[in-house]
PDB file of N, CA and C in Angstrom:
ATOM      1  N   MET A   1     -27.064 -20.085   0.173  1.00  0.00           N
ATOM      2  CA  MET A   1     -25.447 -19.343   0.614  1.00  0.00           C
ATOM      3  C   MET A   1     -26.295 -18.431   1.631  1.00  0.00           C
ATOM      4  N   VAL A   2     -25.135 -18.305   2.297  1.00  0.00           N
ATOM      5  CA  VAL A   2     -25.730 -17.849   3.918  1.00  0.00           C
ATOM      6  C   VAL A   2     -25.305 -16.568   3.525  1.00  0.00           C
ATOM      7  N   ARG A   3     -26.521 -15.364   3.990  1.00  0.00           N
ATOM      8  CA  ARG A   3     -26.171 -14.267   3.597  1.00  0.00           C
ATOM      9  C   ARG A   3     -25.505 -12.983   5.320  1.00  0.00           C
ATOM     10  N   SER A   4     -24.814 -12.278   4.704  1.00  0.00           N
ATOM     11  CA  SER A   4     -23.600 -11.760   5.518  1.00  0.00           C
ATOM     12  C   SER A   4     -25.024 -10.586   6.605  1.00  0.00           C
ATOM     13  N   PRO A   5     -24.381 -11.263   7.759  1.00  0.00           N
ATOM     14  CA  PRO A   5     -25.139  -9.741   8.885  1.00  0.00           C
ATOM     15  C   PRO A   5     -25.228  -8.616   8.328  1.00  0.00           C
ATOM     16  N   PHE A   6     -24.395  -7.781   7.362  1.00  0.00           N
ATOM     17  CA  PHE A   6     -23.542  -6.936   7.260  1.00  0.00           C
ATOM     18  C   PHE A   6     -23.648  -6.690   6.496  1.00  0.00           C
ATOM     19  N   LEU A   7     -24.761  -6.787   5.767  1.00  0.00           N
ATOM     20  CA  LEU A   7     -25.569  -6.399   4.012  1.00  0.00           C
ATOM     21  C   LEU A   7     -25.963  -5.121   4.157  1.00  0.00           C
ATOM     22  N   ALA A   8     -25.987  -4.598   5.146  1.00  0.00           N
ATOM     23  CA  ALA A   8     -27.129  -3.288   5.339  1.00  0.00           C
ATOM     24  C   ALA A   8     -26.024  -2.455   6.608  1.00  0.00           C
ATOM     25  N   ILE A   9     -25.320  -1.627   5.133  1.00  0.00           N
ATOM     26  CA  ILE A   9     -23.780  -0.608   6.562  1.00  0.00           C
ATOM     27  C   ILE A   9     -24.399   0.035   6.554  1.00  0.00           C
ATOM     28  N   PRO A  10     -24.592   0.527   8.169  1.00  0.00           N
ATOM     29  CA  PRO A  10     -25.272   1.617   9.108  1.00  0.00           C
ATOM     30  C   PRO A  10     -24.233   2.698   8.813  1.00  0.00           C
ATOM     31  N   LYS A  11     -25.400   3.664   8.003  1.00  0.00           N
ATOM     32  CA  LYS A  11     -24.520   5.294   7.370  1.00  0.00           C
ATOM     33  C   LYS A  11     -24.132   5.974   8.490  1.00  0.00           C
ATOM     34  N   HIS A  12     -24.736   5.678   9.828  1.00  0.00           N
ATOM     35  CA  HIS A  12     -23.970   6.330  11.574  1.00  0.00           C
ATOM     36  C   HIS A  12     -22.175   5.641  11.565  1.00  0.00           C
ATOM     37  N   LEU A  13     -21.872   4.572  10.907  1.00  0.00           N
ATOM     38  CA  LEU A  13     -20.531   4.117  11.486  1.00  0.00           C
ATOM     39  C   LEU A  13     -19.502   5.067  10.735  1.00  0.00           C
ATOM     40  N   LEU A  14     -20.238   4.902   9.243  1.00  0.00           N
ATOM     41  CA  LEU A  14     -18.739   6.316   8.868  1.00  0.00           C
ATOM     42  C   LEU A  14     -19.016   7.559   9.094  1.00  0.00           C
ATOM     43  N   LYS A  15     -20.841   8.095   9.660  1.00  0.00           N
ATOM     44  CA  LYS A  15     -20.157   9.331   9.981  1.00  0.00           C
ATOM     45  C   LYS A  15     -19.055   9.530  11.368  1.00  0.00           C
ATOM     46  N   ASP A  16     -19.563   8.813  12.418  1.00  0.00           N
ATOM     47  CA  ASP A  16     -18.966   8.510  13.674  1.00  0.00           C
ATOM     48  C   ASP A  16     -17.136   8.500  13.168  1.00  0.00           C
ATOM     49  N   PHE A  17     -17.068   7.667  12.296  1.00  0.00           N
ATOM     50  CA  PHE A  17     -15.312   7.779  11.835  1.00  0.00           C
ATOM     51  C   PHE A  17     -15.562   9.149  11.301  1.00  0.00           C
ATOM     52  N   ASP A  18     -16.050   9.448  10.381  1.00  0.00           N
ATOM     53  CA  ASP A  18     -15.700  11.247   9.845  1.00  0.00           C
ATOM     54  C   ASP A  18     -15.371  12.189  11.345  1.00  0.00           C
ATOM     55  N   ILE A  19     -16.131  11.825  12.696  1.00  0.00           N
ATOM     56  CA  ILE A  19     -16.266  13.166  13.253  1.00  0.00           C
ATOM     57  C   ILE A  19     -14.993  12.899  14.079  1.00  0.00           C
ATOM     58  N   ARG A  20     -14.351  11.688  13.744  1.00  0.00           N
ATOM     59  CA  ARG A  20     -12.772  11.409  14.573  1.00  0.00           C
ATOM     60  C   ARG A  20     -12.913  11.032  15.486  1.00  0.00           C
ATOM     61  N   LYS A  21     -14.344  10.055  15.804  1.00  0.00           N
ATOM     62  CA  LYS A  21     -14.344   8.810  16.761  1.00  0.00           C
ATOM     63  C   LYS A  21     -13.288   8.070  16.528  1.00  0.00           C
ATOM     64  N   PRO A  22     -12.549   7.503  18.314  1.00  0.00           N
ATOM     65  CA  PRO A  22     -11.579   6.406  17.816  1.00  0.00           C
ATOM     66  C   PRO A  22     -12.567   4.429  17.205  1.00  0.00           C
ATOM     67  N   ALA A  23     -11.833   4.265  15.831  1.00  0.00           N
ATOM     68  CA  ALA A  23     -11.963   3.336  15.000  1.00  0.00           C
ATOM     69  C   ALA A  23     -12.366   1.890  15.831  1.00  0.00           C
ATOM     70  N   LEU A  24     -11.965   2.098  17.141  1.00  0.00           N
ATOM     71  CA  LEU A  24     -11.587   1.127  17.942  1.00  0.00           C
ATOM     72  C   LEU A  24     -13.147   0.912  18.810  1.00  0.00           C
ATOM     73  N   GLU A  25     -13.263   2.295  18.914  1.00  0.00           N
ATOM     74  CA  GLU A  25     -14.376   2.422  19.572  1.00  0.00           C
ATOM     75  C   GLU A  25     -15.473   2.052  19.213  1.00  0.00           C
ATOM     76  N   ILE A  26     -15.931   2.904  17.670  1.00  0.00           N
ATOM     77  CA  ILE A  26     -17.280   2.033  17.070  1.00  0.00           C
ATOM     78  C   ILE A  26     -16.792   0.890  16.728  1.00  0.00           C
ATOM     79  N   ALA A  27     -16.009   0.112  16.458  1.00  0.00           N
ATOM     80  CA  ALA A  27     -15.893  -1.374  16.058  1.00  0.00           C
ATOM     81  C   ALA A  27     -16.344  -2.166  17.120  1.00  0.00           C
ATOM     82  N   ARG A  28     -16.045  -2.336  18.423  1.00  0.00           N
ATOM     83  CA  ARG A  28     -16.929  -2.608  19.893  1.00  0.00           C
ATOM     84  C   ARG A  28     -18.148  -2.123  19.842  1.00  0.00           C
ATOM     85  N   GLU A  29     -18.280  -1.106  19.707  1.00  0.00           N
ATOM     86  CA  GLU A  29     -19.734  -0.699  19.726  1.00  0.00           C
ATOM     87  C   GLU A  29     -21.117  -1.541  19.168  1.00  0.00           C
ATOM     88  N   HIS A  30     -20.354  -1.909  17.940  1.00  0.00           N
ATOM     89  CA  HIS A  30     -21.080  -2.416  16.825  1.00  0.00           C
ATOM     90  C   HIS A  30     -20.674  -3.733  16.483  1.00  0.00           C
ATOM     91  N   GLY A  31     -19.998  -4.591  17.202  1.00  0.00           N
ATOM     92  CA  GLY A  31     -19.460  -5.931  17.051  1.00  0.00           C
ATOM     93  C   GLY A  31     -19.020  -6.106  15.881  1.00  0.00           C
ATOM     94  N   ILE A  32     -17.991  -5.501  15.579  1.00  0.00           N
ATOM     95  CA  ILE A  32     -17.234  -5.389  13.982  1.00  0.00           C
ATOM     96  C   ILE A  32     -15.840  -5.073  13.727  1.00  0.00           C
ATOM     97  N   SER A  33     -15.321  -5.665  13.142  1.00  0.00           N
ATOM     98  CA  SER A  33     -13.225  -5.595  13.561  1.00  0.00           C
ATOM     99  C   SER A  33     -13.168  -4.004  13.103  1.00  0.00           C
ATOM    100  N   LYS A  34     -12.302  -3.909  13.157  1.00  0.00           N
ATOM    101  CA  LYS A  34     -11.610  -2.130  12.964  1.00  0.00           C
ATOM    102  C   LYS A  34     -11.395  -2.610  11.297  1.00  0.00           C
ATOM    103  N   ALA A  35     -10.995  -3.867  10.893  1.00  0.00           N
ATOM    104  CA  ALA A  35     -10.298  -3.966   9.635  1.00  0.00           C
ATOM    105  C   ALA A  35     -11.582  -4.026   8.535  1.00  0.00           C
ATOM    106  N   THR A  36     -13.417  -4.610   9.173  1.00  0.00           N
ATOM    107  CA  THR A  36     -14.377  -3.998   8.614  1.00  0.00           C
ATOM    108  C   THR A  36     -14.580  -2.906   8.225  1.00  0.00           C
ATOM    109  N   LEU A  37     -14.540  -2.343   9.292  1.00  0.00           N
ATOM    110  CA  LEU A  37     -14.710  -0.645   9.558  1.00  0.00           C
ATOM    111  C   LEU A  37     -13.828  -0.269   8.193  1.00  0.00           C
ATOM    112  N   TYR A  38     -12.763  -0.268   8.581  1.00  0.00           N
ATOM    113  CA  TYR A  38     -11.761   0.606   7.292  1.00  0.00           C
ATOM    114  C   TYR A  38     -11.914   0.380   6.210  1.00  0.00           C
ATOM    115  N   ASN A  39     -12.658  -1.280   5.679  1.00  0.00           N
ATOM    116  CA  ASN A  39     -12.980  -1.621   4.603  1.00  0.00           C
ATOM    117  C   ASN A  39     -14.421  -0.725   3.582  1.00  0.00           C
ATOM    118  N   TRP A  40     -15.218  -0.393   4.697  1.00  0.00           N
ATOM    119  CA  TRP A  40     -16.074   0.141   4.532  1.00  0.00           C
ATOM    120  C   TRP A  40     -15.911   1.289   4.065  1.00  0.00           C
ATOM    121  N   ARG A  41     -14.882   1.984   5.082  1.00  0.00           N
ATOM    122  CA  ARG A  41     -14.642   3.201   5.056  1.00  0.00           C
ATOM    123  C   ARG A  41     -14.360   3.749   3.477  1.00  0.00           C
ATOM    124  N   LYS A  42     -13.565   2.715   2.936  1.00  0.00           N
ATOM    125  CA  LYS A  42     -12.524   3.185   1.566  1.00  0.00           C
ATOM    126  C   LYS A  42     -13.762   2.458   0.466  1.00  0.00           C
ATOM    127  N   LYS A  43     -14.723   1.921   0.774  1.00  0.00           N
ATOM    128  CA  LYS A  43     -15.317   1.724   0.068  1.00  0.00           C
ATOM    129  C   LYS A  43     -16.577   2.473  -0.681  1.00  0.00           C
ATOM    130  N   TYR A  44     -17.391   2.632   1.407  1.00  0.00           N
ATOM    131  CA  TYR A  44     -18.566   3.274   0.818  1.00  0.00           C
ATOM    132  C   TYR A  44     -18.550   4.776   1.421  1.00  0.00           C
ATOM    133  N   ASN A  45     -17.106   5.702   1.599  1.00  0.00           N
ATOM    134  CA  ASN A  45     -17.356   6.770   1.528  1.00  0.00           C
ATOM    135  C   ASN A  45     -17.192   7.723   0.373  1.00  0.00           C
ATOM    136  N   GLY A  46     -18.049   8.600   1.271  1.00  0.00           N
ATOM    137  CA  GLY A  46     -18.538   9.742   0.337  1.00  0.00           C
ATOM    138  C   GLY A  46     -19.937   9.321  -0.375  1.00  0.00           C
ATOM    139  N   MET A  47     -20.791   8.039  -0.131  1.00  0.00           N
ATOM    140  CA  MET A  47     -21.625   7.459  -0.990  1.00  0.00           C
ATOM    141  C   MET A  47     -23.340   8.478  -0.334  1.00  0.00           C
ATOM    142  N   GLY A  48     -23.480   8.846  -0.739  1.00  0.00           N
ATOM    143  CA  GLY A  48     -24.776   8.996  -0.156  1.00  0.00           C
ATOM    144  C   GLY A  48     -26.279   7.795  -0.330  1.00  0.00           C
ATOM    145  N   VAL A  49     -27.370   8.019   0.865  1.00  0.00           N
ATOM    146  CA  VAL A  49     -28.165   7.309   0.601  1.00  0.00           C
ATOM    147  C   VAL A  49     -28.644   6.671  -0.823  1.00  0.00           C
ATOM    148  N   SER A  50     -29.307   7.662  -1.974  1.00  0.00           N
ATOM    149  CA  SER A  50     -29.698   6.854  -2.693  1.00  0.00           C
ATOM    150  C   SER A  50     -28.540   6.322  -3.490  1.00  0.00           C
ATOM    151  N   GLU A  51     -27.509   6.702  -3.452  1.00  0.00           N
ATOM    152  CA  GLU A  51     -26.224   6.000  -4.416  1.00  0.00           C
ATOM    153  C   GLU A  51     -25.837   4.552  -3.839  1.00  0.00           C
ATOM    154  N   LEU A  52     -25.941   4.667  -2.544  1.00  0.00           N
ATOM    155  CA  LEU A  52     -25.897   2.827  -1.525  1.00  0.00           C
ATOM    156  C   LEU A  52     -27.143   2.772  -2.563  1.00  0.00           C
ATOM    157  N   SER A  53     -28.807   2.818  -1.987  1.00  0.00           N
ATOM    158  CA  SER A  53     -29.413   1.966  -2.566  1.00  0.00           C
ATOM    159  C   SER A  53     -29.824   1.414  -4.009  1.00  0.00           C
ATOM    160  N   GLU A  54     -28.855   2.759  -4.524  1.00  0.00           N
ATOM    161  CA  GLU A  54     -28.463   1.890  -6.163  1.00  0.00           C
ATOM    162  C   GLU A  54     -27.414   0.860  -6.291  1.00  0.00           C
ATOM    163  N   MET A  55     -26.282   1.245  -6.074  1.00  0.00           N
ATOM    164  CA  MET A  55     -25.644  -0.014  -5.694  1.00  0.00           C
ATOM    165  C   MET A  55     -26.344  -1.082  -5.265  1.00  0.00           C
ATOM    166  N   LYS A  56     -26.765  -1.498  -4.056  1.00  0.00           N
ATOM    167  CA  LYS A  56     -27.310  -2.618  -3.917  1.00  0.00           C
ATOM    168  C   LYS A  56     -28.454  -3.412  -4.611  1.00  0.00           C
ATOM    169  N   ALA A  57     -29.162  -2.111  -5.466  1.00  0.00           N
ATOM    170  CA  ALA A  57     -30.256  -2.495  -6.679  1.00  0.00           C
ATOM    171  C   ALA A  57     -29.278  -3.197  -7.886  1.00  0.00           C
ATOM    172  N   LEU A  58     -28.360  -2.872  -8.215  1.00  0.00           N
ATOM    173  CA  LEU A  58     -27.034  -3.241  -9.395  1.00  0.00           C
ATOM    174  C   LEU A  58     -26.486  -5.068  -8.585  1.00  0.00           C
ATOM    175  N   LYS A  59     -26.194  -4.541  -7.506  1.00  0.00           N
ATOM    176  CA  LYS A  59     -25.666  -5.822  -6.965  1.00  0.00           C
ATOM    177  C   LYS A  59     -26.665  -7.335  -6.650  1.00  0.00           C
ATOM    178  N   GLU A  60     -27.531  -7.020  -6.809  1.00  0.00           N
ATOM    179  CA  GLU A  60     -28.894  -7.698  -6.787  1.00  0.00           C
ATOM    180  C   GLU A  60     -29.188  -8.349  -8.104  1.00  0.00           C
ATOM    181  N   GLU A  61     -29.357  -7.209  -9.257  1.00  0.00           N
ATOM    182  CA  GLU A  61     -29.514  -7.449 -10.926  1.00  0.00           C
ATOM    183  C   GLU A  61     -28.022  -8.281 -11.177  1.00  0.00           C
ATOM    184  N   ASN A  62     -27.200  -7.808 -10.781  1.00  0.00           N
ATOM    185  CA  ASN A  62     -25.885  -8.755 -11.120  1.00  0.00           C
ATOM    186  C   ASN A  62     -26.169 -10.590 -10.615  1.00  0.00           C
ATOM    187  N   ARG A  63     -26.753 -10.408  -9.544  1.00  0.00           N
ATOM    188  CA  ARG A  63     -26.705 -11.685  -8.663  1.00  0.00           C
ATOM    189  C   ARG A  63     -27.585 -12.767  -9.331  1.00  0.00           C
ATOM    190  N   ARG A  64     -28.572 -12.042  -9.608  1.00  0.00           N
ATOM    191  CA  ARG A  64     -30.140 -12.856 -10.995  1.00  0.00           C
ATOM    192  C   ARG A  64     -29.212 -13.107 -12.332  1.00  0.00           C
ATOM    193  N   LEU A  65     -28.798 -11.991 -12.598  1.00  0.00           N
ATOM    194  CA  LEU A  65     -28.361 -12.098 -14.181  1.00  0.00           C
ATOM    195  C   LEU A  65     -27.296 -13.272 -13.906  1.00  0.00           C
ATOM    196  N   LYS A  66     -26.460 -13.377 -13.215  1.00  0.00           N
ATOM    197  CA  LYS A  66     -25.607 -14.420 -12.499  1.00  0.00           C
ATOM    198  C   LYS A  66     -25.680 -15.932 -13.314  1.00  0.00           C
ATOM    199  N   HIS A  67     -26.891 -15.564 -12.258  1.00  0.00           N
ATOM    200  CA  HIS A  67     -27.834 -16.948 -11.684  1.00  0.00           C
ATOM    201  C   HIS A  67     -28.558 -17.675 -13.087  1.00  0.00           C
ATOM    202  N   MET A  68     -29.178 -16.358 -13.839  1.00  0.00           N
ATOM    203  CA  MET A  68     -29.622 -17.200 -15.099  1.00  0.00           C
ATOM    204  C   MET A  68     -28.448 -17.016 -15.964  1.00  0.00           C
ATOM    205  N   TYR A  69     -27.877 -16.998 -16.225  1.00  0.00           N
ATOM    206  CA  TYR A  69     -26.646 -17.511 -16.902  1.00  0.00           C
ATOM    207  C   TYR A  69     -26.244 -18.816 -16.722  1.00  0.00           C
ATOM    208  N   ALA A  70     -25.922 -19.024 -15.547  1.00  0.00           N
ATOM    209  CA  ALA A  70     -25.433 -20.394 -14.909  1.00  0.00           C
ATOM    210  C   ALA A  70     -26.713 -21.132 -15.424  1.00  0.00           C
ATOM    211  N   GLU A  71     -27.895 -21.184 -15.388  1.00  0.00           N
ATOM    212  CA  GLU A  71     -29.043 -21.788 -15.709  1.00  0.00           C
ATOM    213  C   GLU A  71     -28.724 -22.183 -17.069  1.00  0.00           C
ATOM    214  N   LEU A  72     -28.565 -21.223 -17.721  1.00  0.00           N
ATOM    215  CA  LEU A  72     -28.874 -21.092 -19.174  1.00  0.00           C
ATOM    216  C   LEU A  72     -27.617 -21.733 -19.855  1.00  0.00           C
ATOM    217  N   ALA A  73     -26.372 -22.247 -19.200  1.00  0.00           N
ATOM    218  CA  ALA A  73     -25.190 -22.856 -19.314  1.00  0.00           C
ATOM    219  C   ALA A  73     -25.278 -24.198 -19.392  1.00  0.00           C
ATOM    220  N   LEU A  74     -25.732 -24.751 -18.411  1.00  0.00           N
ATOM    221  CA  LEU A  74     -26.308 -26.042 -18.141  1.00  0.00           C
ATOM    222  C   LEU A  74     -27.340 -26.506 -18.835  1.00  0.00           C
ATOM    223  N   ASP A  75     -28.141 -25.564 -19.008  1.00  0.00           N
ATOM    224  CA  ASP A  75     -29.184 -26.639 -20.273  1.00  0.00           C
ATOM    225  C   ASP A  75     -28.532 -26.540 -21.465  1.00  0.00           C
ATOM    226  N   HIS A  76     -27.481 -25.091 -21.318  1.00  0.00           N
ATOM    227  CA  HIS A  76     -27.360 -25.605 -22.875  1.00  0.00           C
ATOM    228  C   HIS A  76     -26.057 -26.800 -23.189  1.00  0.00           C
ATOM    229  N   ARG A  77     -25.459 -26.711 -22.185  1.00  0.00           N
ATOM    230  CA  ARG A  77     -24.728 -28.453 -21.702  1.00  0.00           C
ATOM    231  C   ARG A  77     -24.978 -29.481 -21.753  1.00  0.00           C
ATOM    232  N   LEU A  78     -26.238 -29.637 -21.227  1.00  0.00           N
ATOM    233  CA  LEU A  78     -26.959 -30.690 -21.578  1.00  0.00           C
ATOM    234  C   LEU A  78     -27.887 -30.944 -22.625  1.00  0.00           C
ATOM    235  N   ALA A  79     -27.831 -30.233 -23.539  1.00  0.00           N
ATOM    236  CA  ALA A  79     -29.290 -30.201 -25.130  1.00  0.00           C
ATOM    237  C   ALA A  79     -27.576 -30.442 -25.560  1.00  0.00           C
ATOM    238  N   LYS A  80     -26.630 -29.846 -25.189  1.00  0.00           N
ATOM    239  CA  LYS A  80     -25.299 -30.573 -26.422  1.00  0.00           C
ATOM    240  C   LYS A  80     -24.762 -31.574 -25.920  1.00  0.00           C
ATOM    241  N   GLU A  81     -25.027 -32.546 -24.978  1.00  0.00           N
ATOM    242  CA  GLU A  81     -24.566 -33.668 -24.828  1.00  0.00           C
ATOM    243  C   GLU A  81     -25.836 -35.048 -24.421  1.00  0.00           C
ATOM    244  N   ILE A  82     -26.932 -34.264 -24.780  1.00  0.00           N
ATOM    245  CA  ILE A  82     -28.388 -35.234 -26.015  1.00  0.00           C
ATOM    246  C   ILE A  82     -28.102 -35.253 -27.447  1.00  0.00           C
ATOM    247  N   ILE A  83     -27.658 -34.345 -27.988  1.00  0.00           N
ATOM    248  CA  ILE A  83     -27.655 -34.308 -29.325  1.00  0.00           C
ATOM    249  C   ILE A  83     -26.564 -35.433 -29.637  1.00  0.00           C
ATOM    250  N   GLU A  84     -25.285 -35.084 -28.751  1.00  0.00           N
ATOM    251  CA  GLU A  84     -24.352 -36.150 -29.393  1.00  0.00           C
ATOM    252  C   GLU A  84     -24.345 -37.533 -28.848  1.00  0.00           C
ATOM    253  N   LYS A  85     -25.294 -37.765 -28.064  1.00  0.00           N
ATOM    254  CA  LYS A  85     -26.164 -38.795 -28.070  1.00  0.00           C
ATOM    255  C   LYS A  85     -26.654 -39.696 -28.752  1.00  0.00           C
ATOM    256  N   LYS A  86     -27.626 -38.916 -29.790  1.00  0.00           N
ATOM    257  CA  LYS A  86     -28.462 -38.982 -30.444  1.00  0.00           C
ATOM    258  C   LYS A  86     -27.491 -39.419 -32.225  1.00  0.00           C
ATOM    259  N   LEU A  87     -26.312 -38.752 -31.997  1.00  0.00           N
ATOM    260  CA  LEU A  87     -25.287 -39.026 -33.599  1.00  0.00           C
ATOM    261  C   LEU A  87     -24.470 -39.969 -33.730  1.00  0.00           C
TER     262      LEU A  87
END
């Protein structure tokens, strides 16, 4: 899976946006689209550094748990098929 280069949201982008710096200028400086900037603002505005790091940790845990579930589901399906073949 290809990881996005924008996983770490620069907090200063949102601060620049809050001090009424034009969105197009901020987007051009950092090589992102205006839409991305607005989406980040909608999603992360008002969060502190600790909240962002906690959210990142929760997303990583969620990803890990989904991976574990997928492996267990596959193992379960294979075991079920083997048992059905034996009967």
